[in-house]
Amino acid sequence: ELFLENRVPEKWTSTQPEAMEEEEPLFSNLDLFLFTLIAGLIIYWFMSRKKAEPIPEFKKLDQPAPSTRETSFIEKMKKTGRNIVVFYGSQTGTGEEFANRLSKDAQRYGMKGMAADPEEYVMCELSRLAEIDNSLAIFCMATYGEGDPTDNAQDFYDWLQESDLELNGVNYTVFALGNKTYEHYNAMGAYVDKRLEELGAKRVFDLGMGDDDGNLEEDFVTWREQFWPAMCEHFGVEASGEDSSIRQYELKEHNDINMNKVYTGELGRLKSFETQKPPFDSKNPFLAPVIVNRKLNKAGNRHLMHLEVDITGSKIRYESGDHVAVYPTNDTAIVNKLGQILGVDLDMVISLNNLDEESNKKHPFPCPTTYRTALTHYLDIIHPPRTNVLYELAQYATDPKDQENMRKMASSAPEGKALYQSFVLEDNRNILAILEDLPSLRPPIDHLCELMPRLQARYYSIASSSKVHPNSIHICAVLVEYTTKTGRLTKGVATTWLKNKLVADNGHKSTVPMYIRKSQFRLPFKASNPVIMVGPGTGIAPFMGFIQERGWLKEQGKEVGETVLYFGCRHKNEDYLYQEELEEAEKTGVITKLNVAFSRDQEQKVYVQHLLRTNKEDLWRQIHTDNAHIYICGDARNMARDVQTAFYEIAEELGGMTRTQATDYIKKLMTKGRYSQDVWS
């Protein structure tokens, strides 16, 4: 948001020469006035001919200039002799990880693959894929939010919807990544699979459905192990039997390097944390100072917190319902233990350089950097490792039994799947725990860093309205902390990091690297529409913003419809979040009706869905007669489902509908944008 300075020429003033006694002045006043005016106009004309300074364009900070990047994946495939392209739609990195694994697999099957971000290429070139012999396009597509494409696949999705390009002769298959607890399970993957066929492409292997609520890794491994033999048969090729580890990056140690050229946690431009320049996004987050960090719950053994970060001067704009993304760092103690167990100097400056010089991805994370920075800022060392990591690292185990078990866990054999499920997932072993429990396994740290997935941003529903708080963003979160079956205390990466972002008395302010992700979770355009908000626990977050905004609209003299909140917590005296603010809002009429379910304050548990049924007549009137908008925020697995069922039952009972009709009725509200969900599992 740059504005050119208005350059107005200086005012030219003239001082009249003193009139000489008895002498006729050389110029009359009128002559002088006209002369000044003409001179001024000439100067103005010359100055205005000077070109206005162009508004500087912001280019994506971590990308080279467009001219240096190949946007034709077809030309790139031809140039590098590849016949398989694996596109990914990925929000949290898993889709990208699966795409890289499939592209690497191709080599084992005597083919050559490349992983590709659809955002970086001209996707209408898909029609040219048939120009390459034995070619295949694989799509690893994650679904985000309410059946939406991921950010990097949005343009591809728009193109698919609008295109009528013929894709005859194009071979494809799709693996979808989703979560069954969500309403639109694997919607994006299913859409891509269906749409490519409609455009004439040939599906050479069935759509794979990955469910993160179950075991996404197992779903992928099972699909992949059936997929490759089918491809060998389809293309008439034989597996090379090359099953050894294939390195993608080579290590370069920098013994004598200017430390100003070393990344220290930045995501895009080097030194971007020292000299901050807008616009701020996922590759260029803003370092927002934490100005408030307080515990919300009065008692109990949990830690619920409210944080406020300052965005003054950042030009960041947000709306109620948007998400704030923050980039956390890993626990120093775990990083140090990893260095200790692998016997390495964590402060060694290194680069991991892609062996494929044609790849757009030169490094797995910003390089050059130190092992310490990579393990702290860039790599996910807390999530239990996927099977491919175990498979690749197995070669370094000196005990044959360890080696055998690690390889077994990476197979789709029932025994191997069961072992991975119990040893890694159920026991919640991260990479450090695996190294501690398999003392014969001591891999080189550079290979470990190559295989670890990237540490991802965490998204939080914003708990404030920019109408009331234009210069700050509020976050409401609960600390994640539990003991695993092996007796290890596991802490949530982001919530532990946020809890420690204290506001010091000495004026020192902790900062949070953040950016805004726009959402569809929006208050109705007409303020006079009633609003029904259902949000237990930290699901209250976006509704704090909604309530502030409805209050602000009232103050502006706008006609504001009923504002009804259904909130739930365990105990009134323990975790009634924002109790004072909510009761005050009800007292002043901003909240028309405040309904709170204290689930454990009585023998029978009471949840928000029970309160919905209690108020069914009011609810039906608000929805069916008064055009109310319904908003659900919180847990997708149980709460969102139970709340939806309660709405079905109300529609059945008071609308005289069958269950099918009631389901259709709620689905129509969703389509019209009158039933919105901001849920997580």
Foldseek 3Di string as FASTA:
>chain_A
DDDFDPDDDDQDDDDDDDDDPPDDDPDDPVRVVVVSVVVNVVVRVVVVVPDGDDDDDDDPQFADPPVVADQAVQVVCVVVVAQEEEEEQDAFQPRQLLRVVVQVVLVQQVGHYYYDQNLRHDVLCLLVSLVRPLHEYEYEFEADFQRHGHPSCNVVVVCLVPDLAANANYEYEYEYAAAVLHPCASNVRVCVVVSNVVSHYHYQAYYQHAHPNPPRLLSSQVRVVVPSVSSCVVNVTGRPNPPADDDFWDKDFDPDDDCQLAAQQQAHHRCCQVPPDDDADPNRFHWWFWDDWDFFWPDDDWTKIKIKTFQPPNPAFDFQFWKKWFFFWFDLVLLVLLCVLLVHDQQTFMFTAGPPPSDSPGGLGDDRYGNSSCNTRWFDQQFQARLVLLQNQLVQQPDVVSSVLSNLLSHSPPVNVVCCCVVPPQQVDTPSNVCVVRVSRRDDVVSNSSRTGTRGIDIFRWQAGCVVVVGMTMGIDIWDWDAGPVRDIGTDRVNVRSNPQDCDPVRDTRTIGIHIDGDLPDDDPQQQQEEEEEAEDSQCRSVNHVLNVLVVCVVVVHNHHAYAYEYEEADPNTNPGPVVVVVVSCVVPSHVYYHYFNQHPDPHGDHSLNVCLVCLVVVCCSVVPRVYAYEYEEASNPDVVSNLVSQLVSCCVVVVDDSVVSVVVVVVCVVVNRYGYHYDD
